[in-house]
C-alpha atoms as a PDB file:
ATOM      1  CA  MET A   1       0.000   0.000   0.000  1.00  0.00           C
ATOM      2  CA  ILE A   2       1.187   3.564  -0.676  1.00  0.00           C
ATOM      3  CA  SER A   3       0.184   6.561   1.417  1.00  0.00           C
ATOM      4  CA  ALA A   4       0.740  10.222   0.573  1.00  0.00           C
ATOM      5  CA  ASP A   5      -0.060  13.323   2.591  1.00  0.00           C
ATOM      6  CA  TYR A   6       0.294  17.074   2.401  1.00  0.00           C
ATOM      7  CA  SER A   7      -0.297  19.763   4.986  1.00  0.00           C
ATOM      8  CA  TRP A   8       0.444  23.406   5.454  1.00  0.00           C
ATOM      9  CA  THR A   9       0.392  25.563   8.528  1.00  0.00           C
ATOM     10  CA  TRP A  10       0.867  29.193   9.339  1.00  0.00           C
ATOM     11  CA  SER A  11       3.166  29.920  12.243  1.00  0.00           C
ATOM     12  CA  GLN A  12       2.665  33.254  14.010  1.00  0.00           C
ATOM     13  CA  ASN A  13       4.842  34.949  16.599  1.00  0.00           C
ATOM     14  CA  ASP A  14       4.277  38.365  18.190  1.00  0.00           C
ATOM     15  CA  LEU A  15       7.770  39.447  17.139  1.00  0.00           C
ATOM     16  CA  LEU A  16       7.140  38.708  13.440  1.00  0.00           C
ATOM     17  CA  ASN A  17       5.361  41.125  11.119  1.00  0.00           C
ATOM     18  CA  LYS A  18       3.482  38.367   9.306  1.00  0.00           C
ATOM     19  CA  PRO A  19       2.835  34.626   9.662  1.00  0.00           C
ATOM     20  CA  ILE A  20       5.257  32.119   8.160  1.00  0.00           C
ATOM     21  CA  ARG A  21       3.951  29.322   5.969  1.00  0.00           C
ATOM     22  CA  VAL A  22       5.245  25.788   6.477  1.00  0.00           C
ATOM     23  CA  ASP A  23       4.526  23.073   3.877  1.00  0.00           C
ATOM     24  CA  VAL A  24       4.988  19.385   4.675  1.00  0.00           C
ATOM     25  CA  SER A  25       4.406  16.459   2.295  1.00  0.00           C
ATOM     26  CA  GLY A  26       5.270  12.829   2.564  1.00  0.00           C
ATOM     27  CA  VAL A  27       4.988   9.485   0.872  1.00  0.00           C
ATOM     28  CA  ARG A  28       5.157   6.080   2.579  1.00  0.00           C
ATOM     29  CA  VAL A  29       5.187   2.477   1.401  1.00  0.00           C
ATOM     30  CA  ILE A  30       3.229   0.440   3.966  1.00  0.00           C
ATOM     31  CA  LYS A  31       2.966  -3.290   4.622  1.00  0.00           C
ATOM     32  CA  ASN A  32       0.296  -4.592   7.025  1.00  0.00           C
ATOM     33  CA  PHE A  33       0.669  -7.860   8.930  1.00  0.00           C
ATOM     34  CA  ALA A  34      -2.163  -9.772  10.619  1.00  0.00           C
ATOM     35  CA  VAL A  35      -1.555 -10.296  14.334  1.00  0.00           C
ATOM     36  CA  ASN A  36      -4.463 -12.533  15.329  1.00  0.00           C
ATOM     37  CA  LYS A  37      -6.549 -14.541  12.848  1.00  0.00           C
ATOM     38  CA  ASN A  38      -9.521 -14.406  15.243  1.00  0.00           C
ATOM     39  CA  LYS A  39      -9.380 -10.578  15.296  1.00  0.00           C
ATOM     40  CA  PRO A  40      -9.273  -9.365  11.681  1.00  0.00           C
ATOM     41  CA  ASP A  41      -9.261  -5.687  12.767  1.00  0.00           C
ATOM     42  CA  MET A  42      -5.988  -6.151  14.671  1.00  0.00           C
ATOM     43  CA  PHE A  43      -2.822  -5.711  12.640  1.00  0.00           C
ATOM     44  CA  VAL A  44       0.628  -4.191  12.642  1.00  0.00           C
ATOM     45  CA  GLY A  45       1.649  -1.889   9.835  1.00  0.00           C
ATOM     46  CA  LEU A  46       5.256  -1.005   9.057  1.00  0.00           C
ATOM     47  CA  TRP A  47       6.394   1.659   6.635  1.00  0.00           C
ATOM     48  CA  ALA A  48       9.309   3.467   5.095  1.00  0.00           C
ATOM     49  CA  GLY A  49       9.123   6.704   3.209  1.00  0.00           C
ATOM     50  CA  ALA A  50      10.323  10.235   2.709  1.00  0.00           C
ATOM     51  CA  GLN A  51       9.111  13.641   3.835  1.00  0.00           C
ATOM     52  CA  PHE A  52       9.611  17.086   2.312  1.00  0.00           C
ATOM     53  CA  GLN A  53       9.398  20.259   4.402  1.00  0.00           C
ATOM     54  CA  LYS A  54       9.566  23.846   3.202  1.00  0.00           C
ATOM     55  CA  LEU A  55       9.536  26.993   5.332  1.00  0.00           C
ATOM     56  CA  GLY A  56       8.467  30.444   4.253  1.00  0.00           C
ATOM     57  CA  ALA A  57      11.838  31.897   3.288  1.00  0.00           C
ATOM     58  CA  GLN A  58      11.648  35.493   4.479  1.00  0.00           C
ATOM     59  CA  THR A  59      11.118  36.597   8.047  1.00  0.00           C
ATOM     60  CA  ASP A  60      11.034  40.157   9.270  1.00  0.00           C
ATOM     61  CA  GLY A  61      10.036  41.807  12.479  1.00  0.00           C
ATOM     62  CA  GLU A  62      11.203  44.063  15.252  1.00  0.00           C
ATOM     63  CA  ILE A  63      12.096  43.756  18.891  1.00  0.00           C
ATOM     64  CA  ASN A  64      12.913  46.241  21.612  1.00  0.00           C
ATOM     65  CA  LEU A  65      16.502  45.826  22.807  1.00  0.00           C
ATOM     66  CA  GLY A  66      15.326  46.214  26.396  1.00  0.00           C
ATOM     67  CA  ASP A  67      13.169  43.093  26.006  1.00  0.00           C
ATOM     68  CA  LEU A  68      16.313  41.138  25.117  1.00  0.00           C
ATOM     69  CA  VAL A  69      18.885  42.658  27.461  1.00  0.00           C
ATOM     70  CA  ASP A  70      16.912  43.591  30.566  1.00  0.00           C
ATOM     71  CA  PRO A  71      13.247  42.558  30.330  1.00  0.00           C
ATOM     72  CA  ASP A  72      12.529  43.062  34.037  1.00  0.00           C
ATOM     73  CA  ASN A  73      14.840  46.091  34.600  1.00  0.00           C
ATOM     74  CA  SER A  74      16.953  44.050  37.019  1.00  0.00           C
ATOM     75  CA  LYS A  75      20.216  45.214  35.392  1.00  0.00           C
ATOM     76  CA  LEU A  76      19.112  48.845  35.636  1.00  0.00           C
ATOM     77  CA  ASP A  77      18.187  48.309  39.280  1.00  0.00           C
ATOM     78  CA  GLU A  78      21.612  46.717  39.810  1.00  0.00           C
ATOM     79  CA  ILE A  79      23.378  49.781  38.318  1.00  0.00           C
ATOM     80  CA  ASP A  80      21.373  52.075  40.590  1.00  0.00           C
ATOM     81  CA  GLN A  81      22.070  49.922  43.656  1.00  0.00           C
ATOM     82  CA  ASP A  82      25.796  49.774  42.859  1.00  0.00           C
ATOM     83  CA  TRP A  83      25.838  53.587  42.612  1.00  0.00           C
ATOM     84  CA  ALA A  84      23.987  53.974  45.913  1.00  0.00           C
ATOM     85  CA  ASP A  85      26.411  51.518  47.571  1.00  0.00           C
ATOM     86  CA  TYR A  86      29.387  53.387  46.160  1.00  0.00           C
ATOM     87  CA  MET A  87      28.065  56.761  47.380  1.00  0.00           C
ATOM     88  CA  ALA A  88      27.785  55.274  50.888  1.00  0.00           C
ATOM     89  CA  SER A  89      31.314  53.836  50.782  1.00  0.00           C
ATOM     90  CA  PRO A  90      34.424  55.297  52.459  1.00  0.00           C
ATOM     91  CA  GLU A  91      36.120  55.473  49.028  1.00  0.00           C
ATOM     92  CA  TYR A  92      33.463  57.903  47.784  1.00  0.00           C
ATOM     93  CA  ALA A  93      33.626  59.958  50.990  1.00  0.00           C
ATOM     94  CA  GLU A  94      37.401  60.400  50.494  1.00  0.00           C
ATOM     95  CA  LEU A  95      36.980  61.834  46.982  1.00  0.00           C
ATOM     96  CA  SER A  96      37.486  65.517  46.383  1.00  0.00           C
ATOM     97  CA  PRO A  97      34.485  67.550  45.155  1.00  0.00           C
ATOM     98  CA  VAL A  98      35.893  67.331  41.622  1.00  0.00           C
ATOM     99  CA  GLY A  99      36.315  63.537  42.000  1.00  0.00           C
ATOM    100  CA  LYS A 100      32.736  63.204  43.264  1.00  0.00           C
ATOM    101  CA  GLN A 101      31.493  65.242  40.271  1.00  0.00           C
ATOM    102  CA  LEU A 102      33.482  63.072  37.845  1.00  0.00           C
ATOM    103  CA  ALA A 103      32.095  59.897  39.458  1.00  0.00           C
ATOM    104  CA  GLU A 104      28.548  61.280  39.257  1.00  0.00           C
ATOM    105  CA  ASP A 105      29.034  62.335  35.626  1.00  0.00           C
ATOM    106  CA  LEU A 106      30.314  58.829  34.839  1.00  0.00           C
ATOM    107  CA  TYR A 107      27.292  57.220  36.556  1.00  0.00           C
ATOM    108  CA  ASN A 108      24.851  59.549  34.773  1.00  0.00           C
ATOM    109  CA  GLY A 109      26.551  58.838  31.423  1.00  0.00           C
ATOM    110  CA  VAL A 110      26.419  55.059  31.887  1.00  0.00           C
ATOM    111  CA  ARG A 111      22.818  55.173  33.098  1.00  0.00           C
ATOM    112  CA  GLY A 112      21.760  57.496  30.288  1.00  0.00           C
ATOM    113  CA  PHE A 113      23.433  55.308  27.677  1.00  0.00           C
ATOM    114  CA  TYR A 114      21.778  52.235  29.167  1.00  0.00           C
ATOM    115  CA  ASP A 115      18.345  53.945  29.205  1.00  0.00           C
ATOM    116  CA  GLU A 116      18.735  54.952  25.540  1.00  0.00           C
ATOM    117  CA  ALA A 117      19.967  51.508  24.540  1.00  0.00           C
ATOM    118  CA  LEU A 118      16.989  49.845  26.206  1.00  0.00           C
ATOM    119  CA  ASP A 119      14.612  52.066  24.221  1.00  0.00           C
ATOM    120  CA  THR A 120      16.226  51.078  20.913  1.00  0.00           C
ATOM    121  CA  THR A 121      14.103  49.048  18.510  1.00  0.00           C
ATOM    122  CA  ILE A 122      15.911  46.527  16.349  1.00  0.00           C
ATOM    123  CA  LYS A 123      14.296  45.810  12.982  1.00  0.00           C
ATOM    124  CA  TYR A 124      15.410  42.623  11.279  1.00  0.00           C
ATOM    125  CA  LYS A 125      14.861  40.746   8.060  1.00  0.00           C
ATOM    126  CA  PHE A 126      16.451  37.479   7.056  1.00  0.00           C
ATOM    127  CA  ASN A 127      16.004  34.587   4.677  1.00  0.00           C
ATOM    128  CA  LYS A 128      15.974  31.165   6.227  1.00  0.00           C
ATOM    129  CA  GLN A 129      15.920  27.620   5.010  1.00  0.00           C
ATOM    130  CA  LEU A 130      16.208  24.163   6.416  1.00  0.00           C
ATOM    131  CA  GLU A 131      19.598  22.541   6.108  1.00  0.00           C
ATOM    132  CA  TYR A 132      17.852  19.610   4.396  1.00  0.00           C
ATOM    133  CA  ASN A 133      14.334  19.812   2.976  1.00  0.00           C
ATOM    134  CA  TRP A 134      14.075  16.030   2.713  1.00  0.00           C
ATOM    135  CA  ASN A 135      14.321  13.331   5.365  1.00  0.00           C
ATOM    136  CA  MET A 136      13.694   9.595   5.489  1.00  0.00           C
ATOM    137  CA  LEU A 137      10.881   8.044   7.553  1.00  0.00           C
ATOM    138  CA  LEU A 138      10.512   4.712   9.323  1.00  0.00           C
ATOM    139  CA  GLY A 139       7.366   3.970  11.254  1.00  0.00           C
ATOM    140  CA  GLY A 140       4.782   1.561  12.421  1.00  0.00           C
ATOM    141  CA  GLN A 141       1.251   1.268  13.693  1.00  0.00           C
ATOM    142  CA  TRP A 142      -0.435  -1.275  15.901  1.00  0.00           C
ATOM    143  CA  GLN A 143      -4.147  -1.258  15.253  1.00  0.00           C
ATOM    144  CA  ILE A 144      -5.686  -2.796  18.354  1.00  0.00           C
ATOM    145  CA  ASP A 145      -9.226  -2.750  16.956  1.00  0.00           C
ATOM    146  CA  ARG A 146     -11.336  -0.619  14.606  1.00  0.00           C
ATOM    147  CA  ARG A 147     -11.231   2.305  17.071  1.00  0.00           C
ATOM    148  CA  TRP A 148      -7.785   2.292  18.722  1.00  0.00           C
ATOM    149  CA  GLN A 149      -4.345   2.577  17.118  1.00  0.00           C
ATOM    150  CA  PHE A 150      -0.894   3.316  18.428  1.00  0.00           C
ATOM    151  CA  ARG A 151       1.455   4.918  15.915  1.00  0.00           C
ATOM    152  CA  ALA A 152       5.142   5.949  15.985  1.00  0.00           C
ATOM    153  CA  GLU A 153       7.398   7.400  13.333  1.00  0.00           C
ATOM    154  CA  TYR A 154      11.057   8.384  13.226  1.00  0.00           C
ATOM    155  CA  GLY A 155      12.436  10.859  10.693  1.00  0.00           C
ATOM    156  CA  PHE A 156      16.135  11.149   9.994  1.00  0.00           C
ATOM    157  CA  LEU A 157      18.750  12.395   7.571  1.00  0.00           C
ATOM    158  CA  LYS A 158      22.153  13.698   8.634  1.00  0.00           C
ATOM    159  CA  SER A 159      21.528  16.348  11.337  1.00  0.00           C
ATOM    160  CA  LYS A 160      17.728  16.415  10.913  1.00  0.00           C
ATOM    161  CA  GLN A 161      15.823  14.103  13.265  1.00  0.00           C
ATOM    162  CA  SER A 162      12.242  13.878  14.466  1.00  0.00           C
ATOM    163  CA  PHE A 163      10.090  11.466  16.435  1.00  0.00           C
ATOM    164  CA  MET A 164       6.314  11.307  16.607  1.00  0.00           C
ATOM    165  CA  ALA A 165       4.139   8.987  18.672  1.00  0.00           C
ATOM    166  CA  SER A 166       0.380   9.044  18.976  1.00  0.00           C
ATOM    167  CA  LEU A 167      -2.533   7.127  20.382  1.00  0.00           C
ATOM    168  CA  ASN A 168      -5.505   7.449  18.022  1.00  0.00           C
ATOM    169  CA  TYR A 169      -9.219   6.884  18.540  1.00  0.00           C
ATOM    170  CA  ARG A 170     -11.723   6.687  15.693  1.00  0.00           C
ATOM    171  CA  PHE A 171     -15.256   7.782  16.433  1.00  0.00           C
ATOM    172  CA  GLY A 172     -18.006   5.638  14.964  1.00  0.00           C
ATOM    173  CA  ILE A 173     -19.457   8.323  12.735  1.00  0.00           C
END
């Protein structure tokens, strides 16, 4: 027996400007084996095949640098706490007025730069592709009866690997 399938999905992420289409198609050569002559609905099926996957090639979006670097402002809080600790230290107390002004100017410069950097929006666009569009498939199914099946499939080729297992129930419609 030969089985073929095709599906497509749209993958959406808040950081992307538009959904990405993913196409998947496969073909399998299947051989079924009877398990119990008294139960004709029970069998084991084994298959080998190939699967093709294609991703939408272009992705673009934008992200705020602050969401990447310091999403909860903990680094900014750490800078402020370090400055407060330094101002309370004996080293700071021993500075001359000019030294204190230089230290404060340095703190304000670092904090200002950090504030500006966190408000920066990064816009990106890139083309992507799978390393290998094709992979081989080996799988099997144990049909327990007309309603219940257990199925597993392993996909492989060089660095691309996948595993799928499912327990299926058919409704009597």
